[in-house]
Amino acid sequence: MQCPFCSSNNIDVVNSRKTKGDKQIWRRRKCQDCFEIFTTYEKINLDYLKIIKKSGKIVRFNRSKLFSGIYNASIQKKNVDRGDMAKLSEIITCEVEDALIEMHKKVISTEELKTLVLNISKKKDISLFFSFIAYFKDTEKIKDIRELLDNFC
């Protein structure tokens, strides 16, 4: 690792802690050349995870695609604060990543991933759940919508 201030490789870790439910490691580092202190975060990279698309094509997991899908669905609602929706989308994305890690799988289908996102979004924000279904035109989840509406009425 290089120092972001002087590009030196002479760096020591002076403090280290587990964060976010032991899913990340926070490290305080100190450059021995310029004596600047900076922080790094280490977390599991899900690049090993392969996604099987409906067409049969296999692609690597892409966090930014997951986040943008959730975010784009969230801003379809009227009168929403895009900043708040970005925060909510980030929270849901992190929870989906945590769930994927806990599944201990190397391959997952887009349907499994979509179901995971729907289950998490249903717990976080019911209107986002409906927006997500509408945005991705998921007609298979219409039954879920009817059940939820029956529960509210």
C-alpha atoms as a PDB file:
ATOM      1  CA  MET A   1       0.000   0.000   0.000  1.00  0.00           C
ATOM      2  CA  GLN A   2       1.176   3.513  -0.778  1.00  0.00           C
ATOM      3  CA  CYS A   3       0.767   6.613   1.301  1.00  0.00           C
ATOM      4  CA  PRO A   4      -1.838   8.886  -0.347  1.00  0.00           C
ATOM      5  CA  PHE A   5       0.227  11.923   0.660  1.00  0.00           C
ATOM      6  CA  CYS A   6       3.784  11.074  -0.384  1.00  0.00           C
ATOM      7  CA  SER A   7       3.442   7.727  -2.257  1.00  0.00           C
ATOM      8  CA  SER A   8       5.830   5.998   0.137  1.00  0.00           C
ATOM      9  CA  ASN A   9       5.521   2.255   0.759  1.00  0.00           C
ATOM     10  CA  ASN A  10       6.886   2.603   4.293  1.00  0.00           C
ATOM     11  CA  ILE A  11       3.555   2.348   6.170  1.00  0.00           C
ATOM     12  CA  ASP A  12       2.644   0.851   9.538  1.00  0.00           C
ATOM     13  CA  VAL A  13      -0.766  -0.169  10.872  1.00  0.00           C
ATOM     14  CA  VAL A  14      -1.209   1.589  14.207  1.00  0.00           C
ATOM     15  CA  ASN A  15      -4.786   0.543  15.019  1.00  0.00           C
ATOM     16  CA  SER A  16      -7.228  -2.027  13.677  1.00  0.00           C
ATOM     17  CA  ARG A  17     -10.868  -2.878  14.462  1.00  0.00           C
ATOM     18  CA  LYS A  18     -13.664  -5.014  13.096  1.00  0.00           C
ATOM     19  CA  THR A  19     -16.680  -2.997  11.943  1.00  0.00           C
ATOM     20  CA  LYS A  20     -20.130  -3.487  10.449  1.00  0.00           C
ATOM     21  CA  GLY A  21     -20.862  -6.734  12.214  1.00  0.00           C
ATOM     22  CA  ASP A  22     -17.392  -8.167  11.616  1.00  0.00           C
ATOM     23  CA  LYS A  23     -17.862  -7.745   7.854  1.00  0.00           C
ATOM     24  CA  GLN A  24     -15.190  -5.036   7.479  1.00  0.00           C
ATOM     25  CA  ILE A  25     -11.869  -4.188   9.052  1.00  0.00           C
ATOM     26  CA  TRP A  26     -11.018  -0.578   9.811  1.00  0.00           C
ATOM     27  CA  ARG A  27      -7.311   0.217   9.939  1.00  0.00           C
ATOM     28  CA  ARG A  28      -5.509   3.377  10.992  1.00  0.00           C
ATOM     29  CA  ARG A  29      -2.218   3.622   9.118  1.00  0.00           C
ATOM     30  CA  LYS A  30       0.776   5.907   9.568  1.00  0.00           C
ATOM     31  CA  CYS A  31       3.385   6.735   6.960  1.00  0.00           C
ATOM     32  CA  GLN A  32       6.890   6.478   8.403  1.00  0.00           C
ATOM     33  CA  ASP A  33       8.286   8.943   5.840  1.00  0.00           C
ATOM     34  CA  CYS A  34       5.859  11.899   6.004  1.00  0.00           C
ATOM     35  CA  PHE A  35       4.191  10.904   9.330  1.00  0.00           C
ATOM     36  CA  GLU A  36       0.691  11.445   7.933  1.00  0.00           C
ATOM     37  CA  ILE A  37      -2.119   9.247   9.269  1.00  0.00           C
ATOM     38  CA  PHE A  38      -4.903   7.824   7.118  1.00  0.00           C
ATOM     39  CA  THR A  39      -7.680   5.236   7.379  1.00  0.00           C
ATOM     40  CA  THR A  40      -8.459   2.227   5.201  1.00  0.00           C
ATOM     41  CA  TYR A  41     -11.350  -0.226   5.154  1.00  0.00           C
ATOM     42  CA  GLU A  42     -11.086  -3.830   4.076  1.00  0.00           C
ATOM     43  CA  LYS A  43     -14.096  -5.900   3.096  1.00  0.00           C
ATOM     44  CA  ILE A  44     -14.844  -9.039   1.154  1.00  0.00           C
ATOM     45  CA  ASN A  45     -14.866  -8.541  -2.593  1.00  0.00           C
ATOM     46  CA  LEU A  46     -17.744 -10.416  -4.227  1.00  0.00           C
ATOM     47  CA  ASP A  47     -16.064 -10.600  -7.648  1.00  0.00           C
ATOM     48  CA  TYR A  48     -15.886 -14.381  -7.258  1.00  0.00           C
ATOM     49  CA  LEU A  49     -19.705 -14.568  -7.382  1.00  0.00           C
ATOM     50  CA  LYS A  50     -21.171 -15.423 -10.773  1.00  0.00           C
ATOM     51  CA  ILE A  51     -24.681 -14.392 -11.799  1.00  0.00           C
ATOM     52  CA  ILE A  52     -26.660 -16.556 -14.222  1.00  0.00           C
ATOM     53  CA  LYS A  53     -28.894 -14.314 -16.297  1.00  0.00           C
ATOM     54  CA  LYS A  54     -32.256 -15.383 -17.748  1.00  0.00           C
ATOM     55  CA  SER A  55     -30.623 -15.771 -21.154  1.00  0.00           C
ATOM     56  CA  GLY A  56     -28.143 -18.259 -19.674  1.00  0.00           C
ATOM     57  CA  LYS A  57     -25.242 -15.841 -19.910  1.00  0.00           C
ATOM     58  CA  ILE A  58     -22.922 -15.875 -16.890  1.00  0.00           C
ATOM     59  CA  VAL A  59     -21.529 -12.582 -15.608  1.00  0.00           C
ATOM     60  CA  ARG A  60     -19.569 -11.571 -12.520  1.00  0.00           C
ATOM     61  CA  PHE A  61     -21.330  -9.852  -9.647  1.00  0.00           C
ATOM     62  CA  ASN A  62     -21.179  -6.082 -10.016  1.00  0.00           C
ATOM     63  CA  ARG A  63     -21.994  -4.032  -6.930  1.00  0.00           C
ATOM     64  CA  SER A  64     -22.556  -0.834  -8.876  1.00  0.00           C
ATOM     65  CA  LYS A  65     -25.173  -2.529 -11.086  1.00  0.00           C
ATOM     66  CA  LEU A  66     -26.984  -3.805  -8.013  1.00  0.00           C
ATOM     67  CA  PHE A  67     -26.917  -0.357  -6.381  1.00  0.00           C
ATOM     68  CA  SER A  68     -28.060   1.442  -9.543  1.00  0.00           C
ATOM     69  CA  GLY A  69     -30.960  -0.992 -10.026  1.00  0.00           C
ATOM     70  CA  ILE A  70     -32.160  -0.417  -6.481  1.00  0.00           C
ATOM     71  CA  TYR A  71     -31.587   3.347  -6.708  1.00  0.00           C
ATOM     72  CA  ASN A  72     -33.345   3.708 -10.068  1.00  0.00           C
ATOM     73  CA  ALA A  73     -36.346   1.816  -8.714  1.00  0.00           C
ATOM     74  CA  SER A  74     -36.394   4.019  -5.605  1.00  0.00           C
ATOM     75  CA  ILE A  75     -36.455   7.342  -7.458  1.00  0.00           C
ATOM     76  CA  GLN A  76     -39.469   6.296  -9.532  1.00  0.00           C
ATOM     77  CA  LYS A  77     -41.670   7.357  -6.637  1.00  0.00           C
ATOM     78  CA  LYS A  78     -43.029  10.892  -6.672  1.00  0.00           C
ATOM     79  CA  ASN A  79     -41.775  13.578  -4.312  1.00  0.00           C
ATOM     80  CA  VAL A  80     -38.740  11.702  -3.018  1.00  0.00           C
ATOM     81  CA  ASP A  81     -35.449  13.114  -1.846  1.00  0.00           C
ATOM     82  CA  ARG A  82     -32.784  11.577  -4.066  1.00  0.00           C
ATOM     83  CA  GLY A  83     -30.221  11.849  -1.287  1.00  0.00           C
ATOM     84  CA  ASP A  84     -32.421   9.880   1.090  1.00  0.00           C
ATOM     85  CA  MET A  85     -33.086   7.293  -1.608  1.00  0.00           C
ATOM     86  CA  ALA A  86     -29.340   6.989  -2.266  1.00  0.00           C
ATOM     87  CA  LYS A  87     -28.736   6.302   1.436  1.00  0.00           C
ATOM     88  CA  LEU A  88     -31.544   3.748   1.548  1.00  0.00           C
ATOM     89  CA  SER A  89     -30.267   2.108  -1.642  1.00  0.00           C
ATOM     90  CA  GLU A  90     -26.776   1.873  -0.125  1.00  0.00           C
ATOM     91  CA  ILE A  91     -28.173   0.261   3.036  1.00  0.00           C
ATOM     92  CA  ILE A  92     -30.140  -2.295   1.017  1.00  0.00           C
ATOM     93  CA  THR A  93     -27.142  -2.990  -1.235  1.00  0.00           C
ATOM     94  CA  CYS A  94     -24.946  -3.659   1.822  1.00  0.00           C
ATOM     95  CA  GLU A  95     -27.556  -5.971   3.315  1.00  0.00           C
ATOM     96  CA  VAL A  96     -27.869  -7.867   0.026  1.00  0.00           C
ATOM     97  CA  GLU A  97     -24.081  -8.253  -0.083  1.00  0.00           C
ATOM     98  CA  ASP A  98     -24.068  -9.536   3.500  1.00  0.00           C
ATOM     99  CA  ALA A  99     -26.812 -12.036   2.643  1.00  0.00           C
ATOM    100  CA  LEU A 100     -24.871 -13.192  -0.434  1.00  0.00           C
ATOM    101  CA  ILE A 101     -21.782 -13.801   1.699  1.00  0.00           C
ATOM    102  CA  GLU A 102     -23.818 -15.776   4.227  1.00  0.00           C
ATOM    103  CA  MET A 103     -25.281 -17.946   1.438  1.00  0.00           C
ATOM    104  CA  HIS A 104     -21.794 -19.407   0.759  1.00  0.00           C
ATOM    105  CA  LYS A 105     -22.536 -19.755  -2.960  1.00  0.00           C
ATOM    106  CA  LYS A 106     -20.289 -19.155  -5.938  1.00  0.00           C
ATOM    107  CA  VAL A 107     -23.151 -19.019  -8.460  1.00  0.00           C
ATOM    108  CA  ILE A 108     -26.590 -17.431  -8.124  1.00  0.00           C
ATOM    109  CA  SER A 109     -29.400 -16.737 -10.589  1.00  0.00           C
ATOM    110  CA  THR A 110     -30.821 -13.294 -11.250  1.00  0.00           C
ATOM    111  CA  GLU A 111     -34.138 -14.557  -9.878  1.00  0.00           C
ATOM    112  CA  GLU A 112     -32.526 -15.490  -6.560  1.00  0.00           C
ATOM    113  CA  LEU A 113     -30.817 -12.105  -6.438  1.00  0.00           C
ATOM    114  CA  LYS A 114     -34.059 -10.287  -7.250  1.00  0.00           C
ATOM    115  CA  THR A 115     -35.919 -12.235  -4.553  1.00  0.00           C
ATOM    116  CA  LEU A 116     -33.209 -11.338  -2.059  1.00  0.00           C
ATOM    117  CA  VAL A 117     -33.511  -7.634  -2.940  1.00  0.00           C
ATOM    118  CA  LEU A 118     -37.305  -7.784  -2.713  1.00  0.00           C
ATOM    119  CA  ASN A 119     -37.253  -9.472   0.708  1.00  0.00           C
ATOM    120  CA  ILE A 120     -34.832  -6.914   2.101  1.00  0.00           C
ATOM    121  CA  SER A 121     -36.594  -3.917   0.524  1.00  0.00           C
ATOM    122  CA  LYS A 122     -39.943  -5.165   1.877  1.00  0.00           C
ATOM    123  CA  LYS A 123     -38.515  -4.916   5.410  1.00  0.00           C
ATOM    124  CA  LYS A 124     -36.887  -1.505   4.863  1.00  0.00           C
ATOM    125  CA  ASP A 125     -39.444   0.457   2.847  1.00  0.00           C
ATOM    126  CA  ILE A 126     -42.686  -1.030   1.544  1.00  0.00           C
ATOM    127  CA  SER A 127     -43.097   1.666  -1.112  1.00  0.00           C
ATOM    128  CA  LEU A 128     -39.616   0.842  -2.430  1.00  0.00           C
ATOM    129  CA  PHE A 129     -40.687  -2.794  -2.610  1.00  0.00           C
ATOM    130  CA  PHE A 130     -43.626  -1.845  -4.845  1.00  0.00           C
ATOM    131  CA  SER A 131     -41.467   0.510  -6.911  1.00  0.00           C
ATOM    132  CA  PHE A 132     -38.892  -2.230  -7.414  1.00  0.00           C
ATOM    133  CA  ILE A 133     -41.549  -4.653  -8.678  1.00  0.00           C
ATOM    134  CA  ALA A 134     -43.030  -2.014 -10.983  1.00  0.00           C
ATOM    135  CA  TYR A 135     -39.625  -0.845 -12.256  1.00  0.00           C
ATOM    136  CA  PHE A 136     -38.579  -4.351 -13.235  1.00  0.00           C
ATOM    137  CA  LYS A 137     -42.109  -5.289 -14.369  1.00  0.00           C
ATOM    138  CA  ASP A 138     -42.042  -8.411 -12.234  1.00  0.00           C
ATOM    139  CA  THR A 139     -45.457  -9.907 -12.946  1.00  0.00           C
ATOM    140  CA  GLU A 140     -44.592 -13.029 -10.936  1.00  0.00           C
ATOM    141  CA  LYS A 141     -44.637 -10.923  -7.761  1.00  0.00           C
ATOM    142  CA  ILE A 142     -48.212  -9.686  -8.276  1.00  0.00           C
ATOM    143  CA  LYS A 143     -49.363 -12.390  -5.840  1.00  0.00           C
ATOM    144  CA  ASP A 144     -47.017 -10.908  -3.221  1.00  0.00           C
ATOM    145  CA  ILE A 145     -48.520  -7.470  -3.814  1.00  0.00           C
ATOM    146  CA  ARG A 146     -52.055  -8.800  -3.329  1.00  0.00           C
ATOM    147  CA  GLU A 147     -51.030 -10.555  -0.098  1.00  0.00           C
ATOM    148  CA  LEU A 148     -49.385  -7.388   1.228  1.00  0.00           C
ATOM    149  CA  LEU A 149     -52.387  -5.241   0.340  1.00  0.00           C
ATOM    150  CA  ASP A 150     -54.693  -7.773   2.031  1.00  0.00           C
ATOM    151  CA  ASN A 151     -52.534  -7.499   5.163  1.00  0.00           C
ATOM    152  CA  PHE A 152     -52.786  -3.683   5.168  1.00  0.00           C
ATOM    153  CA  CYS A 153     -56.541  -3.548   4.590  1.00  0.00           C
END
